[in-house]
Amino acid sequence: MKALAAFAFAAATLAVAAPASAQFAKAEDAIKYRQSALFVMGQHFSRIGAMANGRVPFDAKAAQDNADVVAQMAKLPWAAFGPGTDKGAPTKALPEIWTEQAKYKEHADKLEAESVKLAAAAKTGNLDNLKAAFGAAAGTCKACHDNYRAK
C-alpha cells in the first residue's frame, strides 16, 4: 500500500513538473490548440471592438460576457508554444517566438493583464471605460502580431 501511495505521489509530482509542451501528444495538437484558443479569443474580442468603435450598439451585458471570455481565453494559448511546436502544422507563428522566448512571454503576460483590465472595465457598464480598456488590449495584440505573426 505504501509503495502504491509513493508511486501515485511520484507520478503526480512528475505530471505537475512536466513542461507544458508535454501536455500535447504531437506538435500538431499544440498548434491546433493554440490556434483554436486564439480564434475564440479573437471572436469575442471583435464583438467588444464593434461596440467600442460604434459599429454596433453598446450592450453592457454582452460586453461583460465577451470580456470575461477574453480574460479566460487569454490564459490558454501560451502553453502550446513549447519547444518543437514551431513545426508540425500550418502556422503563422514566426520563428522569433522560439528564439526570443523572454520577449514573447512579456507580450503574453501583457495581454493577460490587459484582458483582466478589459473585463473589469466591462463590469462598470460604462462605454468610455470599455473603449479605453479595449484600446489598451488591442495595442497588446497588435504589438505581438507585429513581432511574432506572419502577415
Protein backbone atom coordinates (compact mmCIF):
# COMPACT_ATOMS: atom_id res chain seq x y z
CA MET A 1 0.00 0.00 0.00
CA LYS A 2 2.83 2.39 0.86
CA ALA A 3 4.51 1.59 -2.44
CA LEU A 4 1.32 2.42 -4.33
CA ALA A 5 0.97 5.71 -2.44
CA ALA A 6 4.61 6.58 -3.13
CA PHE A 7 4.16 5.74 -6.81
CA ALA A 8 1.00 7.86 -7.04
CA PHE A 9 2.76 10.77 -5.34
CA ALA A 10 5.76 10.46 -7.67
CA ALA A 11 3.51 10.30 -10.73
CA ALA A 12 1.55 13.37 -9.60
CA THR A 13 4.75 15.29 -8.92
CA LEU A 14 6.14 14.39 -12.33
CA ALA A 15 2.91 15.42 -14.04
CA VAL A 16 2.97 18.83 -12.36
CA ALA A 17 6.65 19.35 -13.09
CA ALA A 18 6.48 18.29 -16.76
CA PRO A 19 6.87 21.08 -19.29
CA ALA A 20 3.67 22.50 -20.75
CA SER A 21 4.53 21.23 -24.22
CA ALA A 22 4.38 17.68 -22.84
CA GLN A 23 0.63 18.19 -22.43
CA PHE A 24 0.24 17.59 -26.15
CA ALA A 25 0.78 14.23 -27.84
CA LYS A 26 2.06 15.85 -31.03
CA ALA A 27 3.24 19.29 -32.10
CA GLU A 28 0.23 19.42 -34.42
CA ASP A 29 -2.08 19.08 -31.38
CA ALA A 30 -0.38 22.04 -29.67
CA ILE A 31 -0.64 24.14 -32.82
CA LYS A 32 -4.35 23.37 -33.24
CA TYR A 33 -4.95 24.08 -29.56
CA ARG A 34 -3.28 27.50 -29.58
CA GLN A 35 -4.90 28.45 -32.89
CA SER A 36 -8.31 27.48 -31.53
CA ALA A 37 -7.81 29.41 -28.29
CA LEU A 38 -6.64 32.49 -30.19
CA PHE A 39 -9.55 32.19 -32.64
CA VAL A 40 -12.16 32.04 -29.87
CA MET A 41 -10.50 34.91 -28.03
CA GLY A 42 -10.42 36.95 -31.24
CA GLN A 43 -14.10 36.35 -31.93
CA HIS A 44 -15.14 37.64 -28.52
CA PHE A 45 -12.63 40.49 -28.66
CA SER A 46 -14.08 41.56 -32.04
CA ARG A 47 -17.56 41.74 -30.55
CA ILE A 48 -16.29 44.14 -27.91
CA GLY A 49 -14.43 46.12 -30.56
CA ALA A 50 -17.60 46.51 -32.59
CA MET A 51 -19.22 48.16 -29.57
CA ALA A 52 -16.17 50.23 -28.65
CA ASN A 53 -15.89 51.52 -32.22
CA GLY A 54 -19.61 52.24 -32.61
CA ARG A 55 -20.27 49.64 -35.31
CA VAL A 56 -22.95 48.03 -33.13
CA PRO A 57 -24.94 49.48 -30.24
CA PHE A 58 -23.35 49.21 -26.81
CA ASP A 59 -24.81 46.38 -24.75
CA ALA A 60 -23.26 46.35 -21.28
CA LYS A 61 -24.22 42.73 -20.57
CA ALA A 62 -22.85 41.46 -23.89
CA ALA A 63 -19.67 43.49 -23.38
CA GLN A 64 -19.18 42.00 -19.94
CA ASP A 65 -19.88 38.45 -21.12
CA ASN A 66 -17.46 38.76 -24.03
CA ALA A 67 -14.77 40.44 -21.93
CA ASP A 68 -14.99 37.64 -19.37
CA VAL A 69 -14.43 35.09 -22.14
CA VAL A 70 -11.46 37.08 -23.46
CA ALA A 71 -9.90 37.25 -19.99
CA GLN A 72 -10.21 33.50 -19.55
CA MET A 73 -9.05 32.63 -23.07
CA ALA A 74 -6.03 34.93 -22.77
CA LYS A 75 -4.54 32.43 -20.30
CA LEU A 76 -4.70 29.44 -22.61
CA PRO A 77 -2.64 29.62 -25.82
CA TRP A 78 0.81 30.16 -24.31
CA ALA A 79 1.34 26.59 -23.06
CA ALA A 80 1.03 25.43 -26.67
CA PHE A 81 4.09 27.42 -27.83
CA GLY A 82 6.56 24.99 -26.29
CA PRO A 83 9.74 23.59 -27.82
CA GLY A 84 9.12 21.64 -31.01
CA THR A 85 5.79 23.33 -31.74
CA ASP A 86 7.26 25.62 -34.36
CA LYS A 87 6.59 22.93 -36.98
CA GLY A 88 4.01 20.22 -37.42
CA ALA A 89 1.05 22.05 -38.94
CA PRO A 90 0.48 25.24 -40.93
CA THR A 91 1.02 28.24 -38.68
CA LYS A 92 1.54 31.98 -38.89
CA ALA A 93 3.81 31.93 -35.84
CA LEU A 94 7.22 33.38 -36.67
CA PRO A 95 10.45 31.64 -35.59
CA GLU A 96 11.24 34.58 -33.29
CA ILE A 97 8.71 33.19 -30.80
CA TRP A 98 11.16 30.38 -30.03
CA THR A 99 14.35 32.45 -30.30
CA GLU A 100 13.02 35.37 -28.21
CA GLN A 101 11.14 33.43 -25.53
CA ALA A 102 11.54 36.08 -22.81
CA LYS A 103 10.26 38.89 -25.03
CA TYR A 104 7.42 36.74 -26.29
CA LYS A 105 6.42 35.88 -22.73
CA GLU A 106 6.32 39.59 -21.91
CA HIS A 107 3.80 40.07 -24.71
CA ALA A 108 1.70 37.14 -23.48
CA ASP A 109 1.79 38.43 -19.89
CA LYS A 110 0.81 41.92 -21.02
CA LEU A 111 -2.16 40.56 -22.99
CA GLU A 112 -3.32 38.59 -19.97
CA ALA A 113 -3.07 41.69 -17.76
CA GLU A 114 -4.85 43.94 -20.25
CA SER A 115 -7.59 41.32 -20.69
CA VAL A 116 -8.23 41.36 -16.94
CA LYS A 117 -8.46 45.18 -17.10
CA LEU A 118 -10.84 44.88 -20.06
CA ALA A 119 -13.11 42.57 -18.09
CA ALA A 120 -13.03 44.96 -15.12
CA ALA A 121 -13.87 47.91 -17.38
CA ALA A 122 -16.76 45.99 -18.95
CA LYS A 123 -18.18 45.27 -15.49
CA THR A 124 -18.59 49.02 -14.92
CA GLY A 125 -21.19 49.16 -17.68
CA ASN A 126 -19.58 52.39 -18.90
CA LEU A 127 -18.81 52.64 -22.61
CA ASP A 128 -15.97 55.14 -22.12
CA ASN A 129 -14.25 52.77 -19.68
CA LEU A 130 -14.72 49.94 -22.15
CA LYS A 131 -13.26 51.98 -25.01
CA ALA A 132 -10.15 52.88 -23.03
CA ALA A 133 -9.53 49.30 -21.91
CA PHE A 134 -10.26 47.93 -25.37
CA GLY A 135 -7.72 50.29 -26.91
CA ALA A 136 -5.02 49.19 -24.48
CA ALA A 137 -5.79 45.49 -25.01
CA ALA A 138 -5.89 45.92 -28.79
CA GLY A 139 -2.48 47.58 -28.60
CA THR A 140 -1.03 44.49 -26.94
CA CYS A 141 -2.50 42.28 -29.67
CA LYS A 142 -1.03 44.50 -32.39
CA ALA A 143 2.42 44.66 -30.79
CA CYS A 144 2.64 40.89 -30.57
CA HIS A 145 1.28 40.35 -34.10
CA ASP A 146 3.72 42.91 -35.48
CA ASN A 147 6.67 41.00 -34.00
CA TYR A 148 5.61 37.37 -33.96
CA ARG A 149 2.93 36.67 -36.57
CA ALA A 150 3.35 36.30 -40.31
CA LYS A 151 1.17 38.64 -42.28
